[in-house]
Amino acid sequence: MQLLIFLLVLPVSLFAQQAGGRGATPQPAAKNLKLLAPNTDIPFVMQSIKEALGVECAYCHVQGDFAADTNPKKEIARKMIARVRLIDTSLPSSAGVFPDGYHAVDCSTSHRGSV
């Protein structure tokens, strides 16, 4: 009987623990931002670009040092981000048809998952 109670209580106590054990680790402050605002959700933006281009982080970034500018593709990426912003802000307003945060043009408009 005690074994049955133990087997019933054990899953409840395991699921009651917080995911990850100690909670979320805060992200370190971003360095060397030239086009993105400091309050930007950097992981979300980078993931979106990564998916739109069909590449991994090291395509533009130096592995282990995301702030470094030694990979020339990072400067190309910055120019492309500036170009997308220029195009996106040059288009006529959607007059509220699209939700806040929607962009008429983004990386996937041209790349569609392939560099």
N, C-alpha and C. Protein backbone atom coordinates (compact mmCIF):
# COMPACT_ATOMS: atom_id res chain seq x y z
N MET A 1 0.82 -1.20 0.00
CA MET A 1 0.00 0.00 0.00
C MET A 1 0.86 1.26 0.00
N GLN A 2 1.93 1.23 0.82
CA GLN A 2 2.81 2.39 0.87
C GLN A 2 3.47 2.63 -0.49
N LEU A 3 3.81 1.56 -1.18
CA LEU A 3 4.42 1.69 -2.51
C LEU A 3 3.43 2.33 -3.48
N LEU A 4 2.17 1.96 -3.40
CA LEU A 4 1.15 2.55 -4.26
C LEU A 4 1.01 4.04 -4.00
N ILE A 5 0.97 4.44 -2.75
CA ILE A 5 0.87 5.87 -2.40
C ILE A 5 2.10 6.61 -2.91
N PHE A 6 3.27 6.02 -2.71
CA PHE A 6 4.51 6.64 -3.19
C PHE A 6 4.46 6.84 -4.70
N LEU A 7 4.03 5.84 -5.44
CA LEU A 7 3.97 5.93 -6.90
C LEU A 7 2.93 6.94 -7.37
N LEU A 8 1.90 7.18 -6.58
CA LEU A 8 0.90 8.18 -6.93
C LEU A 8 1.36 9.59 -6.60
N VAL A 9 2.12 9.77 -5.53
CA VAL A 9 2.57 11.08 -5.09
C VAL A 9 3.80 11.54 -5.87
N LEU A 10 4.66 10.63 -6.26
CA LEU A 10 5.90 10.98 -6.95
C LEU A 10 5.67 11.80 -8.22
N PRO A 11 4.78 11.38 -9.13
CA PRO A 11 4.58 12.20 -10.34
C PRO A 11 4.07 13.60 -10.03
N VAL A 12 3.22 13.74 -9.03
CA VAL A 12 2.70 15.06 -8.67
C VAL A 12 3.83 15.96 -8.21
N SER A 13 4.73 15.45 -7.39
CA SER A 13 5.83 16.28 -6.90
C SER A 13 6.81 16.60 -8.02
N LEU A 14 6.99 15.71 -8.95
CA LEU A 14 7.90 15.98 -10.08
C LEU A 14 7.33 17.07 -10.98
N PHE A 15 6.05 17.00 -11.26
CA PHE A 15 5.43 17.99 -12.14
C PHE A 15 5.24 19.34 -11.46
N ALA A 16 5.24 19.36 -10.14
CA ALA A 16 5.06 20.61 -9.42
C ALA A 16 6.32 21.46 -9.43
N GLN A 17 7.47 20.87 -9.75
CA GLN A 17 8.71 21.64 -9.81
C GLN A 17 8.70 22.58 -10.99
N GLN A 18 9.39 23.67 -10.82
CA GLN A 18 9.47 24.67 -11.89
C GLN A 18 10.32 24.11 -13.03
N ALA A 19 9.90 24.35 -14.26
CA ALA A 19 10.66 23.90 -15.43
C ALA A 19 12.04 24.54 -15.41
N GLY A 20 13.05 23.73 -15.73
CA GLY A 20 14.40 24.27 -15.76
C GLY A 20 15.07 24.25 -14.40
N GLY A 21 14.35 23.92 -13.37
CA GLY A 21 14.95 23.79 -12.06
C GLY A 21 15.12 25.09 -11.31
N ARG A 22 15.81 26.07 -11.87
CA ARG A 22 16.11 27.30 -11.15
C ARG A 22 15.49 28.53 -11.77
N GLY A 23 14.69 28.39 -12.76
CA GLY A 23 14.10 29.56 -13.42
C GLY A 23 14.95 30.01 -14.59
N ALA A 24 14.45 30.98 -15.32
CA ALA A 24 15.13 31.46 -16.52
C ALA A 24 16.35 32.29 -16.15
N THR A 25 17.43 32.08 -16.90
CA THR A 25 18.63 32.87 -16.71
C THR A 25 18.49 34.15 -17.52
N PRO A 26 18.75 35.30 -16.92
CA PRO A 26 18.63 36.55 -17.68
C PRO A 26 19.66 36.62 -18.80
N GLN A 27 19.25 37.18 -19.93
CA GLN A 27 20.14 37.34 -21.07
C GLN A 27 21.14 38.46 -20.77
N PRO A 28 22.42 38.26 -21.16
CA PRO A 28 23.38 39.35 -20.97
C PRO A 28 23.02 40.52 -21.88
N ALA A 29 23.45 41.71 -21.48
CA ALA A 29 23.17 42.90 -22.28
C ALA A 29 23.85 42.77 -23.65
N ALA A 30 23.12 43.13 -24.69
CA ALA A 30 23.66 43.06 -26.05
C ALA A 30 24.75 44.11 -26.22
N LYS A 31 25.75 43.78 -27.02
CA LYS A 31 26.85 44.70 -27.28
C LYS A 31 26.93 44.97 -28.78
N ASN A 32 27.47 46.11 -29.13
CA ASN A 32 27.76 46.47 -30.52
C ASN A 32 26.50 46.55 -31.38
N LEU A 33 25.41 47.05 -30.82
CA LEU A 33 24.18 47.23 -31.60
C LEU A 33 24.31 48.50 -32.43
N LYS A 34 24.12 48.38 -33.72
CA LYS A 34 24.21 49.54 -34.60
C LYS A 34 22.88 49.89 -35.25
N LEU A 35 22.01 48.91 -35.43
CA LEU A 35 20.70 49.16 -36.05
C LEU A 35 19.53 48.81 -35.14
N LEU A 36 19.74 47.93 -34.21
CA LEU A 36 18.66 47.49 -33.33
C LEU A 36 18.71 48.27 -32.03
N ALA A 37 17.55 48.65 -31.54
CA ALA A 37 17.45 49.38 -30.27
C ALA A 37 17.79 48.44 -29.11
N PRO A 38 18.36 48.97 -28.04
CA PRO A 38 18.72 48.13 -26.89
C PRO A 38 17.54 47.36 -26.29
N ASN A 39 16.33 47.89 -26.40
CA ASN A 39 15.16 47.20 -25.83
C ASN A 39 14.54 46.21 -26.81
N THR A 40 15.17 45.98 -27.95
CA THR A 40 14.68 45.02 -28.95
C THR A 40 14.79 43.60 -28.39
N ASP A 41 13.84 42.75 -28.74
CA ASP A 41 13.91 41.33 -28.38
C ASP A 41 14.90 40.68 -29.35
N ILE A 42 16.19 40.79 -29.03
CA ILE A 42 17.27 40.35 -29.92
C ILE A 42 17.12 38.87 -30.31
N PRO A 43 16.90 37.95 -29.35
CA PRO A 43 16.76 36.54 -29.76
C PRO A 43 15.64 36.33 -30.78
N PHE A 44 14.51 37.02 -30.60
CA PHE A 44 13.40 36.88 -31.54
C PHE A 44 13.78 37.40 -32.93
N VAL A 45 14.42 38.57 -32.98
CA VAL A 45 14.81 39.16 -34.27
C VAL A 45 15.83 38.26 -34.97
N MET A 46 16.83 37.80 -34.23
CA MET A 46 17.87 36.95 -34.83
C MET A 46 17.28 35.63 -35.32
N GLN A 47 16.36 35.05 -34.55
CA GLN A 47 15.71 33.80 -34.97
C GLN A 47 14.91 34.03 -36.25
N SER A 48 14.23 35.16 -36.34
CA SER A 48 13.44 35.48 -37.54
C SER A 48 14.35 35.61 -38.76
N ILE A 49 15.46 36.31 -38.60
CA ILE A 49 16.41 36.48 -39.72
C ILE A 49 17.00 35.13 -40.10
N LYS A 50 17.38 34.35 -39.11
CA LYS A 50 17.96 33.03 -39.34
C LYS A 50 17.02 32.15 -40.16
N GLU A 51 15.75 32.14 -39.80
CA GLU A 51 14.76 31.34 -40.53
C GLU A 51 14.50 31.90 -41.92
N ALA A 52 14.46 33.21 -42.05
CA ALA A 52 14.19 33.83 -43.36
C ALA A 52 15.30 33.54 -44.35
N LEU A 53 16.55 33.45 -43.86
CA LEU A 53 17.69 33.21 -44.74
C LEU A 53 18.06 31.74 -44.84
N GLY A 54 17.55 30.92 -43.93
CA GLY A 54 17.89 29.50 -43.93
C GLY A 54 19.34 29.25 -43.55
N VAL A 55 19.84 30.02 -42.57
CA VAL A 55 21.24 29.90 -42.14
C VAL A 55 21.30 29.71 -40.64
N GLU A 56 22.50 29.44 -40.15
CA GLU A 56 22.75 29.38 -38.71
C GLU A 56 23.43 30.67 -38.28
N CYS A 57 23.54 30.88 -36.99
CA CYS A 57 24.08 32.13 -36.44
C CYS A 57 25.48 32.44 -36.96
N ALA A 58 26.32 31.40 -37.10
CA ALA A 58 27.71 31.60 -37.51
C ALA A 58 27.83 32.07 -38.96
N TYR A 59 26.73 32.11 -39.69
CA TYR A 59 26.78 32.63 -41.06
C TYR A 59 27.17 34.11 -41.04
N CYS A 60 26.66 34.86 -40.07
CA CYS A 60 26.97 36.30 -39.94
C CYS A 60 27.83 36.61 -38.72
N HIS A 61 27.75 35.78 -37.69
CA HIS A 61 28.43 36.06 -36.43
C HIS A 61 29.66 35.18 -36.26
N VAL A 62 30.62 35.68 -35.49
CA VAL A 62 31.77 34.89 -35.07
C VAL A 62 31.30 33.99 -33.94
N GLN A 63 31.54 32.69 -34.07
CA GLN A 63 31.11 31.74 -33.06
C GLN A 63 31.68 32.12 -31.70
N GLY A 64 30.83 32.29 -30.70
CA GLY A 64 31.26 32.61 -29.36
C GLY A 64 31.46 34.09 -29.08
N ASP A 65 31.39 34.94 -30.11
CA ASP A 65 31.55 36.39 -29.92
C ASP A 65 30.60 37.12 -30.87
N PHE A 66 29.33 37.17 -30.48
CA PHE A 66 28.31 37.76 -31.35
C PHE A 66 28.54 39.24 -31.61
N ALA A 67 29.27 39.93 -30.73
CA ALA A 67 29.50 41.37 -30.91
C ALA A 67 30.60 41.66 -31.92
N ALA A 68 31.46 40.69 -32.22
CA ALA A 68 32.59 40.93 -33.12
C ALA A 68 32.11 41.27 -34.53
N ASP A 69 32.86 42.14 -35.19
CA ASP A 69 32.54 42.54 -36.57
C ASP A 69 33.50 41.93 -37.59
N THR A 70 34.19 40.87 -37.24
CA THR A 70 35.20 40.31 -38.14
C THR A 70 34.63 39.50 -39.29
N ASN A 71 33.39 39.05 -39.20
CA ASN A 71 32.76 38.34 -40.32
C ASN A 71 32.14 39.39 -41.24
N PRO A 72 32.62 39.49 -42.50
CA PRO A 72 32.10 40.52 -43.41
C PRO A 72 30.61 40.37 -43.71
N LYS A 73 30.06 39.18 -43.53
CA LYS A 73 28.63 38.98 -43.79
C LYS A 73 27.77 39.74 -42.79
N LYS A 74 28.33 40.05 -41.62
CA LYS A 74 27.57 40.81 -40.63
C LYS A 74 27.30 42.23 -41.13
N GLU A 75 28.27 42.85 -41.77
CA GLU A 75 28.07 44.19 -42.32
C GLU A 75 27.08 44.15 -43.48
N ILE A 76 27.14 43.10 -44.29
CA ILE A 76 26.15 42.94 -45.37
C ILE A 76 24.76 42.81 -44.76
N ALA A 77 24.64 42.04 -43.69
CA ALA A 77 23.34 41.87 -43.02
C ALA A 77 22.82 43.21 -42.50
N ARG A 78 23.71 44.02 -41.94
CA ARG A 78 23.29 45.35 -41.47
C ARG A 78 22.78 46.20 -42.62
N LYS A 79 23.46 46.15 -43.75
CA LYS A 79 23.01 46.92 -44.91
C LYS A 79 21.65 46.42 -45.40
N MET A 80 21.45 45.12 -45.36
CA MET A 80 20.16 44.57 -45.78
C MET A 80 19.04 44.97 -44.81
N ILE A 81 19.32 44.99 -43.52
CA ILE A 81 18.32 45.43 -42.54
C ILE A 81 17.95 46.88 -42.80
N ALA A 82 18.95 47.72 -43.06
CA ALA A 82 18.68 49.14 -43.37
C ALA A 82 17.86 49.27 -44.65
N ARG A 83 18.16 48.45 -45.64
CA ARG A 83 17.43 48.48 -46.91
C ARG A 83 15.97 48.07 -46.71
N VAL A 84 15.76 47.01 -45.93
CA VAL A 84 14.40 46.55 -45.64
C VAL A 84 13.61 47.65 -44.93
N ARG A 85 14.24 48.32 -43.98
CA ARG A 85 13.56 49.41 -43.27
C ARG A 85 13.19 50.54 -44.23
N LEU A 86 14.09 50.87 -45.12
CA LEU A 86 13.82 51.94 -46.09
C LEU A 86 12.64 51.56 -46.98
N ILE A 87 12.66 50.35 -47.50
CA ILE A 87 11.56 49.89 -48.36
C ILE A 87 10.26 49.85 -47.58
N ASP A 88 10.31 49.27 -46.38
CA ASP A 88 9.10 49.11 -45.57
C ASP A 88 8.48 50.46 -45.21
N THR A 89 9.30 51.44 -44.89
CA THR A 89 8.76 52.75 -44.52
C THR A 89 8.36 53.58 -45.74
N SER A 90 8.79 53.18 -46.93
CA SER A 90 8.43 53.90 -48.15
C SER A 90 7.09 53.46 -48.71
N LEU A 91 6.61 52.31 -48.28
CA LEU A 91 5.33 51.80 -48.78
C LEU A 91 4.18 52.57 -48.16
N PRO A 92 3.07 52.67 -48.87
CA PRO A 92 1.90 53.35 -48.30
C PRO A 92 1.43 52.64 -47.03
N SER A 93 0.86 53.39 -46.14
CA SER A 93 0.37 52.84 -44.88
C SER A 93 -0.72 51.80 -45.15
N SER A 94 -0.77 50.80 -44.28
CA SER A 94 -1.82 49.78 -44.40
C SER A 94 -3.13 50.27 -43.81
N ALA A 95 -3.16 51.49 -43.31
CA ALA A 95 -4.37 52.12 -42.74
C ALA A 95 -4.99 51.25 -41.66
N GLY A 96 -4.15 50.58 -40.88
CA GLY A 96 -4.66 49.80 -39.76
C GLY A 96 -5.18 48.43 -40.14
N VAL A 97 -5.02 48.02 -41.39
CA VAL A 97 -5.51 46.71 -41.81
C VAL A 97 -4.70 45.60 -41.14
N PHE A 98 -3.40 45.82 -40.96
CA PHE A 98 -2.54 44.80 -40.37
C PHE A 98 -2.32 45.11 -38.89
N PRO A 99 -2.07 44.07 -38.10
CA PRO A 99 -1.85 44.29 -36.66
C PRO A 99 -0.55 45.04 -36.40
N ASP A 100 -0.46 45.64 -35.21
CA ASP A 100 0.77 46.32 -34.82
C ASP A 100 1.95 45.37 -34.95
N GLY A 101 3.08 45.89 -35.37
CA GLY A 101 4.27 45.08 -35.51
C GLY A 101 4.39 44.40 -36.86
N TYR A 102 3.35 44.46 -37.67
CA TYR A 102 3.40 43.83 -38.99
C TYR A 102 4.29 44.64 -39.91
N HIS A 103 5.08 43.95 -40.70
CA HIS A 103 5.93 44.60 -41.69
C HIS A 103 5.53 44.11 -43.07
N ALA A 104 5.33 45.04 -43.98
CA ALA A 104 4.97 44.65 -45.34
C ALA A 104 6.15 43.96 -46.02
N VAL A 105 7.37 44.35 -45.66
CA VAL A 105 8.58 43.77 -46.24
C VAL A 105 9.47 43.32 -45.10
N ASP A 106 10.02 42.13 -45.22
CA ASP A 106 11.03 41.67 -44.28
C ASP A 106 12.01 40.77 -45.03
N CYS A 107 12.91 40.14 -44.32
CA CYS A 107 13.96 39.33 -44.97
C CYS A 107 13.37 38.22 -45.84
N SER A 108 12.30 37.60 -45.37
CA SER A 108 11.73 36.47 -46.11
C SER A 108 11.02 36.90 -47.38
N THR A 109 10.73 38.19 -47.53
CA THR A 109 10.09 38.67 -48.76
C THR A 109 10.93 38.31 -49.97
N SER A 110 12.24 38.47 -49.84
CA SER A 110 13.15 38.13 -50.95
C SER A 110 13.80 36.77 -50.77
N HIS A 111 14.27 36.47 -49.57
CA HIS A 111 15.09 35.26 -49.38
C HIS A 111 14.27 33.98 -49.33
N ARG A 112 13.12 34.01 -48.74
CA ARG A 112 12.24 32.84 -48.64
C ARG A 112 12.97 31.58 -48.16
N GLY A 113 13.79 31.76 -47.13
CA GLY A 113 14.47 30.63 -46.52
C GLY A 113 15.75 30.19 -47.18
N SER A 114 16.26 31.01 -48.10
CA SER A 114 17.49 30.64 -48.80
C SER A 114 18.32 31.89 -49.09
N VAL A 115 19.62 31.81 -48.79
CA VAL A 115 20.51 32.96 -49.05
C VAL A 115 20.79 33.05 -50.53
